[in-house]
Structure formats: structure tokens, C-alpha cells
Amino acid sequence: MTVTLTAEKREAGHNTDAVRRSGKIPAVVYGRSQESMPIMLDPKAFFKAFQAAGESTIVKLEGLGASHDVLIKAVQRDPVTGQPLHVDLYVIEKGQKVKVAVPLEFTGEAPAEKLGHIISKALHEIEIECAPADLPHSLAVDLSLLRDLGDHILAKDIKLPSSATLITHTDDIVASVTAVVEEQEPQPAAVAEGAAPVEGAAAQAPAEE
């Protein structure tokens, strides 16, 4: 799958707010051997590329003279609207491994769930170091391996590309089977014999004959 994104150069002193007012997203492209270059992106084109590539799939960046293979490294968003305010694009060098956080895709049905247990998903992505050509869009986690209470899947159990090395701690739990905890209703406290009456409660006088 090839994801392509076209960018435009912008002047280093060009105010990012002015870029946003023009309807573009301010961004920067940089790398180990690539000097930081301010650019701007079309929002619709970026949304399409980001939806297809995420942060772990190579994007072919065009429009800057020479094309660059990049990763979408960071997206700064408006805390209220969620709209992108700024994007960082990292240039990939051929033959140089890169570290990326890869989303986990949970597949299959856990037999333990049919027994009434709960499947707890502790991680939704793991970090790996991998050759650019082998970068996965996602990594599969087979929940059918969870058969009974106490079963779990660790980070080291996930199948990685041949060139990949796991950066996340090998024994980190990805998914596990836990028991259903039933909430018990609190029982009213028993009043001990001879205990003083509750404050504010009126004492009942004996009836006169």
C-alpha cells in the first residue's frame, strides 16, 4: 500500500496562525540527514493520508522537489475542536531502522469470555524498531488463545516482522482473563442489645392504665 501526500513549502518566518487562517495545516519535515523544513499541508489530503497510514506506515511526501519517504511522527491537536494544529513528518533513510509505536489489532474470540470471564486489554500499541520496508500498519493479537481464568498474552508473544526488535518490555501484559467481580450490597448494621438509642430518636413512654 502506497500512501501519498503533497506538501507546499512555506517561509520559516511565516506565522503558523496565518497558515491556519489560509485553510492549511502548518507542518515540519525533518530527519537524521534532513534539515528541518517548514511546510504546509491541505487538511483533506492530510486526513486521508493519516487515516490510511497512521503513525507506523510510510507516506510518500511530494511537492518539495524531491520526494521523501516519511512517517507521521506527531500531530498536535486543538484541545476543544480536535482539529490538527501542527504536524511533524520524519524522513526515513534507506537501510536505517526506525522506532515506531504500532497499533494492536485484536482478532478472534476468547473461549474464556464464553465461560463468563472478562477479557482485559492492557495495551493497544507496542513499540518496535524495524526496517522501513517491513513496517506494519498494525500487529495482530489472537484472543482465541485466552481459554481460562489466568491466561494472558504478553508483548513477547506477538508475531513481529523478521527485521523487527521489540522495544516494549517483553513481559508487559497485552491482554488477560479476569474474573467477574460481583458487587455486594452493604448489609444494615445490627443494633446490639442494650445499645443507646440513636440521637434524635424519641423514647416511647409506657402507656398509662
N, C-alpha and C. Protein backbone atom coordinates (compact mmCIF):
# COMPACT_ATOMS: atom_id res chain seq x y z
N MET A 1 0.84 -1.20 0.00
CA MET A 1 0.00 0.00 0.00
C MET A 1 0.88 1.25 0.00
N THR A 2 0.70 2.10 -0.99
CA THR A 2 1.45 3.34 -1.08
C THR A 2 0.54 4.51 -0.74
N VAL A 3 0.93 5.27 0.28
CA VAL A 3 0.16 6.45 0.69
C VAL A 3 0.95 7.68 0.26
N THR A 4 0.31 8.57 -0.45
CA THR A 4 0.98 9.77 -0.97
C THR A 4 0.36 11.02 -0.37
N LEU A 5 1.22 12.00 -0.07
CA LEU A 5 0.77 13.27 0.49
C LEU A 5 1.57 14.39 -0.17
N THR A 6 0.88 15.41 -0.64
CA THR A 6 1.55 16.55 -1.28
C THR A 6 1.66 17.71 -0.30
N ALA A 7 2.84 18.31 -0.25
CA ALA A 7 3.09 19.42 0.66
C ALA A 7 3.52 20.66 -0.12
N GLU A 8 3.43 21.81 0.54
CA GLU A 8 3.92 23.07 -0.03
C GLU A 8 4.95 23.65 0.92
N LYS A 9 6.00 24.24 0.35
CA LYS A 9 6.99 24.91 1.19
C LYS A 9 6.39 26.19 1.76
N ARG A 10 6.87 26.56 2.93
CA ARG A 10 6.47 27.86 3.50
C ARG A 10 7.72 28.52 4.08
N GLU A 11 7.69 29.82 4.15
CA GLU A 11 8.83 30.56 4.67
C GLU A 11 8.97 30.29 6.17
N ALA A 12 10.22 30.22 6.62
CA ALA A 12 10.49 29.91 8.02
C ALA A 12 9.82 30.91 8.97
N GLY A 13 9.75 32.17 8.55
CA GLY A 13 9.16 33.18 9.42
C GLY A 13 7.66 33.34 9.25
N HIS A 14 7.07 32.52 8.39
CA HIS A 14 5.63 32.62 8.11
C HIS A 14 4.85 32.19 9.35
N ASN A 15 4.06 33.08 9.90
CA ASN A 15 3.31 32.81 11.12
C ASN A 15 2.37 31.62 10.95
N THR A 16 2.43 30.68 11.91
CA THR A 16 1.60 29.47 11.80
C THR A 16 0.11 29.80 11.88
N ASP A 17 -0.24 30.84 12.63
CA ASP A 17 -1.66 31.23 12.70
C ASP A 17 -2.15 31.71 11.34
N ALA A 18 -1.28 32.40 10.62
CA ALA A 18 -1.65 32.87 9.28
C ALA A 18 -1.84 31.69 8.33
N VAL A 19 -1.02 30.65 8.52
CA VAL A 19 -1.16 29.44 7.70
C VAL A 19 -2.51 28.79 7.96
N ARG A 20 -2.88 28.71 9.23
CA ARG A 20 -4.18 28.10 9.59
C ARG A 20 -5.34 28.92 9.05
N ARG A 21 -5.21 30.25 9.11
CA ARG A 21 -6.29 31.11 8.61
C ARG A 21 -6.46 30.94 7.10
N SER A 22 -5.38 30.56 6.43
CA SER A 22 -5.46 30.34 4.98
C SER A 22 -6.07 28.99 4.64
N GLY A 23 -6.38 28.20 5.68
CA GLY A 23 -7.01 26.91 5.45
C GLY A 23 -6.04 25.75 5.36
N LYS A 24 -4.76 25.99 5.66
CA LYS A 24 -3.74 24.94 5.60
C LYS A 24 -3.30 24.52 7.01
N ILE A 25 -2.61 23.39 7.08
CA ILE A 25 -2.05 22.92 8.35
C ILE A 25 -0.55 23.17 8.33
N PRO A 26 -0.01 23.95 9.27
CA PRO A 26 1.45 24.11 9.33
C PRO A 26 2.11 22.81 9.75
N ALA A 27 3.26 22.52 9.16
CA ALA A 27 3.95 21.27 9.45
C ALA A 27 5.45 21.48 9.29
N VAL A 28 6.20 20.47 9.71
CA VAL A 28 7.65 20.50 9.54
C VAL A 28 8.09 19.11 9.13
N VAL A 29 9.06 19.03 8.21
CA VAL A 29 9.63 17.76 7.80
C VAL A 29 11.11 17.79 8.19
N TYR A 30 11.58 16.72 8.84
CA TYR A 30 12.96 16.69 9.33
C TYR A 30 13.44 15.24 9.36
N GLY A 31 14.72 15.05 9.60
CA GLY A 31 15.28 13.71 9.68
C GLY A 31 16.71 13.74 10.14
N ARG A 32 17.31 12.56 10.25
CA ARG A 32 18.69 12.48 10.71
C ARG A 32 19.62 13.24 9.78
N SER A 33 19.37 13.13 8.48
CA SER A 33 20.21 13.84 7.50
C SER A 33 19.43 14.91 6.76
N GLN A 34 18.23 15.19 7.22
CA GLN A 34 17.35 16.17 6.58
C GLN A 34 17.19 17.38 7.48
N GLU A 35 17.65 18.53 7.00
CA GLU A 35 17.49 19.76 7.77
C GLU A 35 16.01 20.08 7.91
N SER A 36 15.62 20.56 9.07
CA SER A 36 14.22 20.88 9.33
C SER A 36 13.70 21.88 8.29
N MET A 37 12.56 21.52 7.68
CA MET A 37 11.97 22.36 6.62
C MET A 37 10.51 22.64 6.95
N PRO A 38 10.13 23.92 7.11
CA PRO A 38 8.73 24.25 7.35
C PRO A 38 7.90 24.07 6.09
N ILE A 39 6.76 23.41 6.22
CA ILE A 39 5.88 23.16 5.08
C ILE A 39 4.44 23.40 5.51
N MET A 40 3.50 23.26 4.59
CA MET A 40 2.08 23.30 4.94
C MET A 40 1.34 22.25 4.13
N LEU A 41 0.24 21.76 4.71
CA LEU A 41 -0.50 20.64 4.14
C LEU A 41 -1.96 21.00 3.95
N ASP A 42 -2.56 20.41 2.92
CA ASP A 42 -4.00 20.55 2.73
C ASP A 42 -4.71 19.64 3.74
N PRO A 43 -5.66 20.15 4.53
CA PRO A 43 -6.32 19.34 5.56
C PRO A 43 -6.95 18.06 5.05
N LYS A 44 -7.71 18.15 3.94
CA LYS A 44 -8.39 16.96 3.43
C LYS A 44 -7.39 15.89 3.00
N ALA A 45 -6.31 16.33 2.33
CA ALA A 45 -5.29 15.38 1.89
C ALA A 45 -4.58 14.75 3.08
N PHE A 46 -4.33 15.56 4.12
CA PHE A 46 -3.67 15.02 5.31
C PHE A 46 -4.57 14.02 6.03
N PHE A 47 -5.85 14.35 6.20
CA PHE A 47 -6.77 13.43 6.88
C PHE A 47 -6.81 12.09 6.16
N LYS A 48 -6.85 12.13 4.84
CA LYS A 48 -6.91 10.90 4.05
C LYS A 48 -5.64 10.07 4.25
N ALA A 49 -4.49 10.74 4.22
CA ALA A 49 -3.22 10.04 4.38
C ALA A 49 -3.07 9.49 5.80
N PHE A 50 -3.47 10.28 6.78
CA PHE A 50 -3.33 9.86 8.18
C PHE A 50 -4.25 8.69 8.49
N GLN A 51 -5.45 8.71 7.93
CA GLN A 51 -6.39 7.61 8.14
C GLN A 51 -5.84 6.31 7.56
N ALA A 52 -5.16 6.42 6.42
CA ALA A 52 -4.62 5.23 5.76
C ALA A 52 -3.32 4.75 6.38
N ALA A 53 -2.49 5.69 6.82
CA ALA A 53 -1.14 5.33 7.27
C ALA A 53 -0.97 5.29 8.77
N GLY A 54 -1.72 6.12 9.50
CA GLY A 54 -1.47 6.21 10.93
C GLY A 54 -0.06 6.74 11.18
N GLU A 55 0.58 6.25 12.24
CA GLU A 55 1.93 6.71 12.57
C GLU A 55 2.98 5.63 12.34
N SER A 56 2.58 4.51 11.71
CA SER A 56 3.54 3.42 11.54
C SER A 56 3.67 2.95 10.09
N THR A 57 3.07 3.67 9.16
CA THR A 57 3.17 3.31 7.74
C THR A 57 3.83 4.46 6.98
N ILE A 58 4.72 4.10 6.08
CA ILE A 58 5.46 5.11 5.31
C ILE A 58 4.53 5.88 4.38
N VAL A 59 4.72 7.19 4.36
CA VAL A 59 3.98 8.08 3.46
C VAL A 59 4.98 8.69 2.48
N LYS A 60 4.64 8.70 1.21
CA LYS A 60 5.50 9.33 0.20
C LYS A 60 5.11 10.80 0.11
N LEU A 61 6.03 11.66 0.55
CA LEU A 61 5.78 13.11 0.57
C LEU A 61 6.29 13.73 -0.72
N GLU A 62 5.41 14.42 -1.44
CA GLU A 62 5.76 15.03 -2.72
C GLU A 62 5.48 16.53 -2.68
N GLY A 63 5.95 17.22 -3.73
CA GLY A 63 5.69 18.64 -3.85
C GLY A 63 6.82 19.52 -3.38
N LEU A 64 7.93 18.91 -2.92
CA LEU A 64 9.05 19.68 -2.39
C LEU A 64 10.29 19.55 -3.27
N GLY A 65 10.09 19.25 -4.53
CA GLY A 65 11.21 18.98 -5.42
C GLY A 65 11.43 17.48 -5.50
N ALA A 66 12.26 16.96 -4.60
CA ALA A 66 12.46 15.51 -4.50
C ALA A 66 11.42 14.94 -3.55
N SER A 67 10.98 13.70 -3.82
CA SER A 67 10.02 13.05 -2.92
C SER A 67 10.77 12.47 -1.73
N HIS A 68 10.07 12.35 -0.61
CA HIS A 68 10.66 11.82 0.62
C HIS A 68 9.73 10.74 1.19
N ASP A 69 10.34 9.68 1.71
CA ASP A 69 9.58 8.69 2.48
C ASP A 69 9.56 9.16 3.93
N VAL A 70 8.37 9.38 4.47
CA VAL A 70 8.26 9.94 5.82
C VAL A 70 7.29 9.13 6.67
N LEU A 71 7.41 9.32 7.98
CA LEU A 71 6.43 8.83 8.94
C LEU A 71 5.75 10.03 9.57
N ILE A 72 4.45 9.92 9.82
CA ILE A 72 3.74 10.96 10.57
C ILE A 72 4.11 10.77 12.03
N LYS A 73 5.01 11.61 12.50
CA LYS A 73 5.62 11.40 13.82
C LYS A 73 4.76 11.96 14.95
N ALA A 74 4.14 13.10 14.72
CA ALA A 74 3.33 13.72 15.77
C ALA A 74 2.28 14.63 15.16
N VAL A 75 1.11 14.66 15.80
CA VAL A 75 0.02 15.54 15.37
C VAL A 75 -0.45 16.31 16.60
N GLN A 76 -0.24 17.62 16.60
CA GLN A 76 -0.71 18.47 17.69
C GLN A 76 -2.13 18.91 17.36
N ARG A 77 -3.06 18.69 18.31
CA ARG A 77 -4.47 18.99 18.05
C ARG A 77 -5.02 20.06 18.98
N ASP A 78 -6.03 20.75 18.50
CA ASP A 78 -6.75 21.72 19.33
C ASP A 78 -7.50 20.95 20.41
N PRO A 79 -7.32 21.31 21.69
CA PRO A 79 -7.96 20.55 22.77
C PRO A 79 -9.48 20.60 22.76
N VAL A 80 -10.05 21.59 22.10
CA VAL A 80 -11.51 21.74 22.07
C VAL A 80 -12.11 21.11 20.82
N THR A 81 -11.58 21.48 19.66
CA THR A 81 -12.16 21.01 18.39
C THR A 81 -11.56 19.70 17.89
N GLY A 82 -10.34 19.39 18.36
CA GLY A 82 -9.67 18.18 17.88
C GLY A 82 -9.02 18.34 16.52
N GLN A 83 -9.11 19.54 15.94
CA GLN A 83 -8.51 19.78 14.62
C GLN A 83 -6.99 19.87 14.73
N PRO A 84 -6.25 19.35 13.73
CA PRO A 84 -4.79 19.42 13.76
C PRO A 84 -4.29 20.87 13.74
N LEU A 85 -3.36 21.16 14.64
CA LEU A 85 -2.75 22.49 14.69
C LEU A 85 -1.36 22.48 14.05
N HIS A 86 -0.69 21.32 14.14
CA HIS A 86 0.67 21.21 13.61
C HIS A 86 1.00 19.74 13.42
N VAL A 87 1.81 19.44 12.41
CA VAL A 87 2.18 18.06 12.10
C VAL A 87 3.70 17.95 11.95
N ASP A 88 4.28 16.90 12.54
CA ASP A 88 5.70 16.59 12.37
C ASP A 88 5.85 15.38 11.45
N LEU A 89 6.67 15.51 10.42
CA LEU A 89 6.93 14.41 9.49
C LEU A 89 8.42 14.07 9.55
N TYR A 90 8.71 12.78 9.77
CA TYR A 90 10.10 12.34 9.94
C TYR A 90 10.57 11.59 8.69
N VAL A 91 11.67 12.04 8.11
CA VAL A 91 12.21 11.43 6.88
C VAL A 91 12.92 10.12 7.21
N ILE A 92 12.55 9.06 6.48
CA ILE A 92 13.15 7.74 6.65
C ILE A 92 14.36 7.60 5.74
N GLU A 93 15.46 7.10 6.29
CA GLU A 93 16.65 6.84 5.49
C GLU A 93 16.71 5.37 5.11
N LYS A 94 17.05 5.09 3.87
CA LYS A 94 17.16 3.71 3.43
C LYS A 94 18.25 2.99 4.22
N GLY A 95 17.92 1.77 4.64
CA GLY A 95 18.88 0.97 5.39
C GLY A 95 18.96 1.32 6.86
N GLN A 96 18.20 2.31 7.30
CA GLN A 96 18.23 2.74 8.70
C GLN A 96 16.93 2.33 9.38
N LYS A 97 17.06 1.52 10.45
CA LYS A 97 15.86 1.10 11.18
C LYS A 97 15.25 2.28 11.92
N VAL A 98 13.93 2.22 12.14
CA VAL A 98 13.23 3.29 12.85
C VAL A 98 12.42 2.71 14.00
N LYS A 99 12.22 3.52 15.02
CA LYS A 99 11.38 3.12 16.15
C LYS A 99 9.99 3.69 15.95
N VAL A 100 8.99 2.84 16.06
CA VAL A 100 7.61 3.29 15.89
C VAL A 100 6.71 2.58 16.90
N ALA A 101 5.61 3.23 17.24
CA ALA A 101 4.56 2.61 18.06
C ALA A 101 3.51 2.07 17.09
N VAL A 102 3.32 0.75 17.11
CA VAL A 102 2.41 0.11 16.17
C VAL A 102 1.11 -0.28 16.87
N PRO A 103 -0.04 0.10 16.31
CA PRO A 103 -1.33 -0.27 16.92
C PRO A 103 -1.53 -1.78 16.92
N LEU A 104 -2.24 -2.27 17.95
CA LEU A 104 -2.57 -3.69 18.05
C LEU A 104 -3.99 -3.91 17.54
N GLU A 105 -4.16 -4.96 16.77
CA GLU A 105 -5.48 -5.33 16.25
C GLU A 105 -5.90 -6.65 16.89
N PHE A 106 -6.92 -6.61 17.72
CA PHE A 106 -7.38 -7.80 18.44
C PHE A 106 -8.30 -8.60 17.54
N THR A 107 -7.94 -9.87 17.33
CA THR A 107 -8.71 -10.74 16.44
C THR A 107 -9.16 -12.00 17.19
N GLY A 108 -10.15 -12.67 16.62
CA GLY A 108 -10.62 -13.92 17.20
C GLY A 108 -11.50 -13.71 18.42
N GLU A 109 -12.08 -14.81 18.90
CA GLU A 109 -12.93 -14.79 20.09
C GLU A 109 -12.27 -15.60 21.20
N ALA A 110 -12.28 -15.06 22.39
CA ALA A 110 -11.67 -15.73 23.53
C ALA A 110 -12.65 -16.75 24.12
N PRO A 111 -12.29 -18.04 24.16
CA PRO A 111 -13.16 -19.04 24.80
C PRO A 111 -13.49 -18.69 26.24
N ALA A 112 -12.56 -18.02 26.94
CA ALA A 112 -12.78 -17.66 28.34
C ALA A 112 -13.96 -16.71 28.49
N GLU A 113 -14.22 -15.92 27.46
CA GLU A 113 -15.34 -14.97 27.52
C GLU A 113 -16.67 -15.72 27.53
N LYS A 114 -16.71 -16.85 26.81
CA LYS A 114 -17.94 -17.65 26.78
C LYS A 114 -18.19 -18.34 28.12
N LEU A 115 -17.14 -18.44 28.94
CA LEU A 115 -17.28 -19.02 30.28
C LEU A 115 -17.72 -17.98 31.30
N GLY A 116 -17.90 -16.75 30.84
CA GLY A 116 -18.37 -15.69 31.74
C GLY A 116 -17.27 -14.83 32.31
N HIS A 117 -16.02 -15.04 31.86
CA HIS A 117 -14.91 -14.23 32.34
C HIS A 117 -14.78 -12.95 31.51
N ILE A 118 -13.95 -12.04 32.00
CA ILE A 118 -13.73 -10.76 31.34
C ILE A 118 -12.37 -10.76 30.66
N ILE A 119 -12.31 -10.25 29.42
CA ILE A 119 -11.05 -10.09 28.71
C ILE A 119 -10.58 -8.65 28.91
N SER A 120 -9.46 -8.49 29.59
CA SER A 120 -8.92 -7.17 29.87
C SER A 120 -7.79 -6.86 28.89
N LYS A 121 -7.92 -5.76 28.15
CA LYS A 121 -6.90 -5.35 27.18
C LYS A 121 -6.07 -4.22 27.79
N ALA A 122 -4.83 -4.54 28.15
CA ALA A 122 -3.98 -3.58 28.86
C ALA A 122 -3.19 -2.68 27.92
N LEU A 123 -2.83 -3.18 26.75
CA LEU A 123 -2.07 -2.39 25.78
C LEU A 123 -2.83 -2.31 24.46
N HIS A 124 -2.72 -1.18 23.79
CA HIS A 124 -3.35 -1.02 22.48
C HIS A 124 -2.32 -0.68 21.41
N GLU A 125 -1.05 -0.62 21.79
CA GLU A 125 0.04 -0.46 20.85
C GLU A 125 1.33 -0.91 21.53
N ILE A 126 2.31 -1.34 20.72
CA ILE A 126 3.63 -1.68 21.25
C ILE A 126 4.68 -0.97 20.40
N GLU A 127 5.83 -0.74 21.00
CA GLU A 127 6.91 -0.05 20.29
C GLU A 127 7.91 -1.07 19.75
N ILE A 128 8.28 -0.91 18.49
CA ILE A 128 9.27 -1.79 17.87
C ILE A 128 10.30 -0.95 17.12
N GLU A 129 11.42 -1.58 16.81
CA GLU A 129 12.42 -0.99 15.91
C GLU A 129 12.48 -1.89 14.69
N CYS A 130 12.35 -1.31 13.51
CA CYS A 130 12.12 -2.14 12.32
C CYS A 130 12.69 -1.47 11.07
N ALA A 131 13.05 -2.29 10.09
CA ALA A 131 13.46 -1.76 8.79
C ALA A 131 12.26 -1.10 8.13
N PRO A 132 12.44 0.04 7.47
CA PRO A 132 11.32 0.76 6.87
C PRO A 132 10.45 -0.10 5.95
N ALA A 133 11.08 -0.97 5.19
CA ALA A 133 10.31 -1.79 4.24
C ALA A 133 9.39 -2.78 4.93
N ASP A 134 9.67 -3.09 6.20
CA ASP A 134 8.88 -4.10 6.92
C ASP A 134 7.90 -3.49 7.92
N LEU A 135 7.79 -2.16 7.94
CA LEU A 135 6.92 -1.52 8.93
C LEU A 135 5.48 -1.98 8.76
N PRO A 136 4.87 -2.53 9.82
CA PRO A 136 3.47 -2.98 9.73
C PRO A 136 2.50 -1.85 10.04
N HIS A 137 1.34 -1.90 9.42
CA HIS A 137 0.29 -0.91 9.73
C HIS A 137 -0.32 -1.21 11.10
N SER A 138 -0.37 -2.51 11.44
CA SER A 138 -0.86 -2.95 12.75
C SER A 138 -0.30 -4.34 13.02
N LEU A 139 -0.44 -4.80 14.27
CA LEU A 139 0.02 -6.13 14.66
C LEU A 139 -1.15 -6.90 15.26
N ALA A 140 -1.30 -8.15 14.87
CA ALA A 140 -2.45 -8.95 15.31
C ALA A 140 -2.22 -9.58 16.68
N VAL A 141 -3.27 -9.56 17.49
CA VAL A 141 -3.28 -10.24 18.79
C VAL A 141 -4.43 -11.24 18.76
N ASP A 142 -4.11 -12.54 18.84
CA ASP A 142 -5.12 -13.59 18.72
C ASP A 142 -5.75 -13.89 20.08
N LEU A 143 -6.97 -13.40 20.28
CA LEU A 143 -7.66 -13.59 21.56
C LEU A 143 -8.13 -15.02 21.77
N SER A 144 -8.13 -15.84 20.73
CA SER A 144 -8.58 -17.23 20.89
C SER A 144 -7.63 -18.04 21.77
N LEU A 145 -6.46 -17.48 22.08
CA LEU A 145 -5.50 -18.15 22.96
C LEU A 145 -5.90 -18.04 24.43
N LEU A 146 -6.84 -17.15 24.71
CA LEU A 146 -7.29 -16.95 26.10
C LEU A 146 -8.45 -17.89 26.39
N ARG A 147 -8.13 -19.02 27.05
CA ARG A 147 -9.12 -20.08 27.24
C ARG A 147 -9.73 -20.12 28.64
N ASP A 148 -8.96 -19.72 29.64
CA ASP A 148 -9.47 -19.86 31.01
C ASP A 148 -8.92 -18.76 31.90
N LEU A 149 -9.44 -18.71 33.12
CA LEU A 149 -9.05 -17.70 34.09
C LEU A 149 -7.54 -17.76 34.34
N GLY A 150 -6.89 -16.60 34.27
CA GLY A 150 -5.45 -16.54 34.50
C GLY A 150 -4.63 -16.54 33.22
N ASP A 151 -5.23 -16.92 32.09
CA ASP A 151 -4.49 -16.90 30.83
C ASP A 151 -4.17 -15.46 30.44
N HIS A 152 -3.04 -15.28 29.77
CA HIS A 152 -2.67 -13.93 29.33
C HIS A 152 -1.79 -14.00 28.08
N ILE A 153 -1.72 -12.87 27.39
CA ILE A 153 -0.85 -12.71 26.23
C ILE A 153 0.13 -11.60 26.55
N LEU A 154 1.43 -11.88 26.39
CA LEU A 154 2.48 -10.91 26.69
C LEU A 154 2.96 -10.25 25.40
N ALA A 155 3.67 -9.14 25.56
CA ALA A 155 4.20 -8.43 24.39
C ALA A 155 5.11 -9.34 23.57
N LYS A 156 5.88 -10.20 24.23
CA LYS A 156 6.80 -11.08 23.51
C LYS A 156 6.08 -12.17 22.72
N ASP A 157 4.77 -12.36 22.97
CA ASP A 157 4.00 -13.38 22.26
C ASP A 157 3.51 -12.90 20.90
N ILE A 158 3.61 -11.60 20.64
CA ILE A 158 3.10 -11.04 19.38
C ILE A 158 4.10 -11.28 18.26
N LYS A 159 3.61 -11.76 17.14
CA LYS A 159 4.48 -12.04 16.00
C LYS A 159 4.88 -10.73 15.32
N LEU A 160 6.20 -10.54 15.16
CA LEU A 160 6.74 -9.32 14.57
C LEU A 160 7.34 -9.60 13.20
N PRO A 161 7.52 -8.57 12.37
CA PRO A 161 8.24 -8.75 11.11
C PRO A 161 9.66 -9.26 11.38
N SER A 162 10.24 -9.92 10.40
CA SER A 162 11.55 -10.56 10.59
C SER A 162 12.65 -9.58 11.00
N SER A 163 12.57 -8.34 10.55
CA SER A 163 13.62 -7.37 10.86
C SER A 163 13.34 -6.56 12.13
N ALA A 164 12.23 -6.86 12.78
CA ALA A 164 11.79 -6.03 13.92
C ALA A 164 12.35 -6.53 15.25
N THR A 165 12.60 -5.58 16.14
CA THR A 165 13.00 -5.86 17.51
C THR A 165 11.99 -5.21 18.44
N LEU A 166 11.57 -5.93 19.46
CA LEU A 166 10.59 -5.40 20.40
C LEU A 166 11.25 -4.42 21.37
N ILE A 167 10.72 -3.21 21.46
CA ILE A 167 11.22 -2.20 22.39
C ILE A 167 10.40 -2.22 23.68
N THR A 168 9.10 -2.41 23.56
CA THR A 168 8.24 -2.57 24.74
C THR A 168 8.76 -3.73 25.58
N HIS A 169 8.65 -3.63 26.90
CA HIS A 169 9.13 -4.69 27.79
C HIS A 169 8.48 -6.01 27.40
N THR A 170 9.30 -7.05 27.28
CA THR A 170 8.81 -8.34 26.77
C THR A 170 7.70 -8.95 27.62
N ASP A 171 7.74 -8.70 28.93
CA ASP A 171 6.75 -9.32 29.82
C ASP A 171 5.56 -8.42 30.13
N ASP A 172 5.43 -7.31 29.42
CA ASP A 172 4.24 -6.47 29.60
C ASP A 172 3.00 -7.24 29.12
N ILE A 173 1.95 -7.22 29.92
CA ILE A 173 0.72 -7.93 29.57
C ILE A 173 -0.07 -7.12 28.55
N VAL A 174 -0.44 -7.79 27.46
CA VAL A 174 -1.24 -7.16 26.41
C VAL A 174 -2.73 -7.40 26.68
N ALA A 175 -3.08 -8.64 26.98
CA ALA A 175 -4.47 -9.00 27.27
C ALA A 175 -4.48 -10.15 28.27
N SER A 176 -5.51 -10.20 29.11
CA SER A 176 -5.57 -11.24 30.13
C SER A 176 -7.02 -11.55 30.47
N VAL A 177 -7.20 -12.69 31.15
CA VAL A 177 -8.53 -13.13 31.57
C VAL A 177 -8.69 -12.85 33.05
N THR A 178 -9.74 -12.14 33.41
CA THR A 178 -10.02 -11.84 34.81
C THR A 178 -11.44 -12.28 35.15
N ALA A 179 -11.65 -12.51 36.44
CA ALA A 179 -12.97 -12.96 36.90
C ALA A 179 -13.91 -11.78 37.06
N VAL A 180 -15.19 -12.07 36.91
CA VAL A 180 -16.21 -11.05 37.14
C VAL A 180 -16.35 -10.84 38.64
N VAL A 181 -16.25 -9.60 39.07
CA VAL A 181 -16.40 -9.27 40.49
C VAL A 181 -17.82 -8.77 40.72
N GLU A 182 -18.57 -9.51 41.52
CA GLU A 182 -19.95 -9.12 41.80
C GLU A 182 -19.98 -8.15 42.97
N GLU A 183 -20.69 -7.06 42.77
CA GLU A 183 -20.82 -6.07 43.84
C GLU A 183 -21.85 -6.55 44.85
N GLN A 184 -21.47 -6.50 46.12
CA GLN A 184 -22.38 -6.90 47.19
C GLN A 184 -22.99 -5.67 47.84
N GLU A 185 -24.31 -5.74 48.05
CA GLU A 185 -24.99 -4.63 48.70
C GLU A 185 -24.62 -4.61 50.18
N PRO A 186 -24.33 -3.42 50.71
CA PRO A 186 -23.98 -3.33 52.13
C PRO A 186 -25.14 -3.77 53.01
N GLN A 187 -24.83 -4.57 54.04
CA GLN A 187 -25.85 -5.05 54.96
C GLN A 187 -26.03 -4.04 56.09
N PRO A 188 -27.30 -3.80 56.53
CA PRO A 188 -27.51 -2.87 57.64
C PRO A 188 -26.88 -3.41 58.92
N ALA A 189 -26.26 -2.53 59.68
CA ALA A 189 -25.59 -2.94 60.90
C ALA A 189 -26.62 -3.34 61.95
N ALA A 190 -26.37 -4.45 62.64
CA ALA A 190 -27.28 -4.93 63.69
C ALA A 190 -27.10 -4.08 64.94
N VAL A 191 -28.21 -3.75 65.61
CA VAL A 191 -28.15 -2.96 66.84
C VAL A 191 -27.93 -3.90 68.01
N ALA A 192 -26.85 -3.66 68.75
CA ALA A 192 -26.54 -4.53 69.89
C ALA A 192 -27.55 -4.31 71.01
N GLU A 193 -27.83 -5.40 71.77
CA GLU A 193 -28.79 -5.32 72.87
C GLU A 193 -28.27 -4.38 73.94
N GLY A 194 -29.11 -3.45 74.37
CA GLY A 194 -28.72 -2.50 75.41
C GLY A 194 -28.00 -1.29 74.86
N ALA A 195 -27.90 -1.20 73.55
CA ALA A 195 -27.20 -0.07 72.96
C ALA A 195 -28.02 1.19 73.12
N ALA A 196 -27.35 2.33 73.24
CA ALA A 196 -28.03 3.61 73.40
C ALA A 196 -28.84 3.91 72.15
N PRO A 197 -30.00 4.54 72.29
CA PRO A 197 -30.82 4.88 71.12
C PRO A 197 -30.13 5.91 70.25
N VAL A 198 -30.49 5.92 68.99
CA VAL A 198 -29.90 6.87 68.06
C VAL A 198 -30.29 8.28 68.47
N GLU A 199 -29.32 9.20 68.40
CA GLU A 199 -29.57 10.58 68.78
C GLU A 199 -30.70 11.16 67.95
N GLY A 200 -31.64 11.81 68.61
CA GLY A 200 -32.76 12.42 67.92
C GLY A 200 -33.98 11.54 67.89
N ALA A 201 -33.80 10.24 68.23
CA ALA A 201 -34.95 9.34 68.23
C ALA A 201 -35.72 9.51 69.54
N ALA A 202 -37.02 9.63 69.47
CA ALA A 202 -37.83 9.85 70.67
C ALA A 202 -38.06 8.53 71.39
N ALA A 203 -37.91 8.56 72.71
CA ALA A 203 -38.17 7.36 73.51
C ALA A 203 -39.66 7.21 73.70
N GLN A 204 -40.15 5.99 73.54
CA GLN A 204 -41.59 5.76 73.65
C GLN A 204 -41.94 5.49 75.11
N ALA A 205 -42.80 6.34 75.70
CA ALA A 205 -43.19 6.19 77.11
C ALA A 205 -44.21 5.08 77.23
N PRO A 206 -44.19 4.35 78.35
CA PRO A 206 -45.19 3.29 78.55
C PRO A 206 -46.58 3.88 78.69
N ALA A 207 -47.57 3.20 78.17
CA ALA A 207 -48.95 3.69 78.24
C ALA A 207 -49.47 3.59 79.67
N GLU A 208 -50.20 4.65 80.13
CA GLU A 208 -50.80 4.63 81.47
C GLU A 208 -52.10 3.86 81.45
N GLU A 209 -52.33 3.10 82.50
CA GLU A 209 -53.59 2.36 82.63
C GLU A 209 -54.61 3.20 83.37
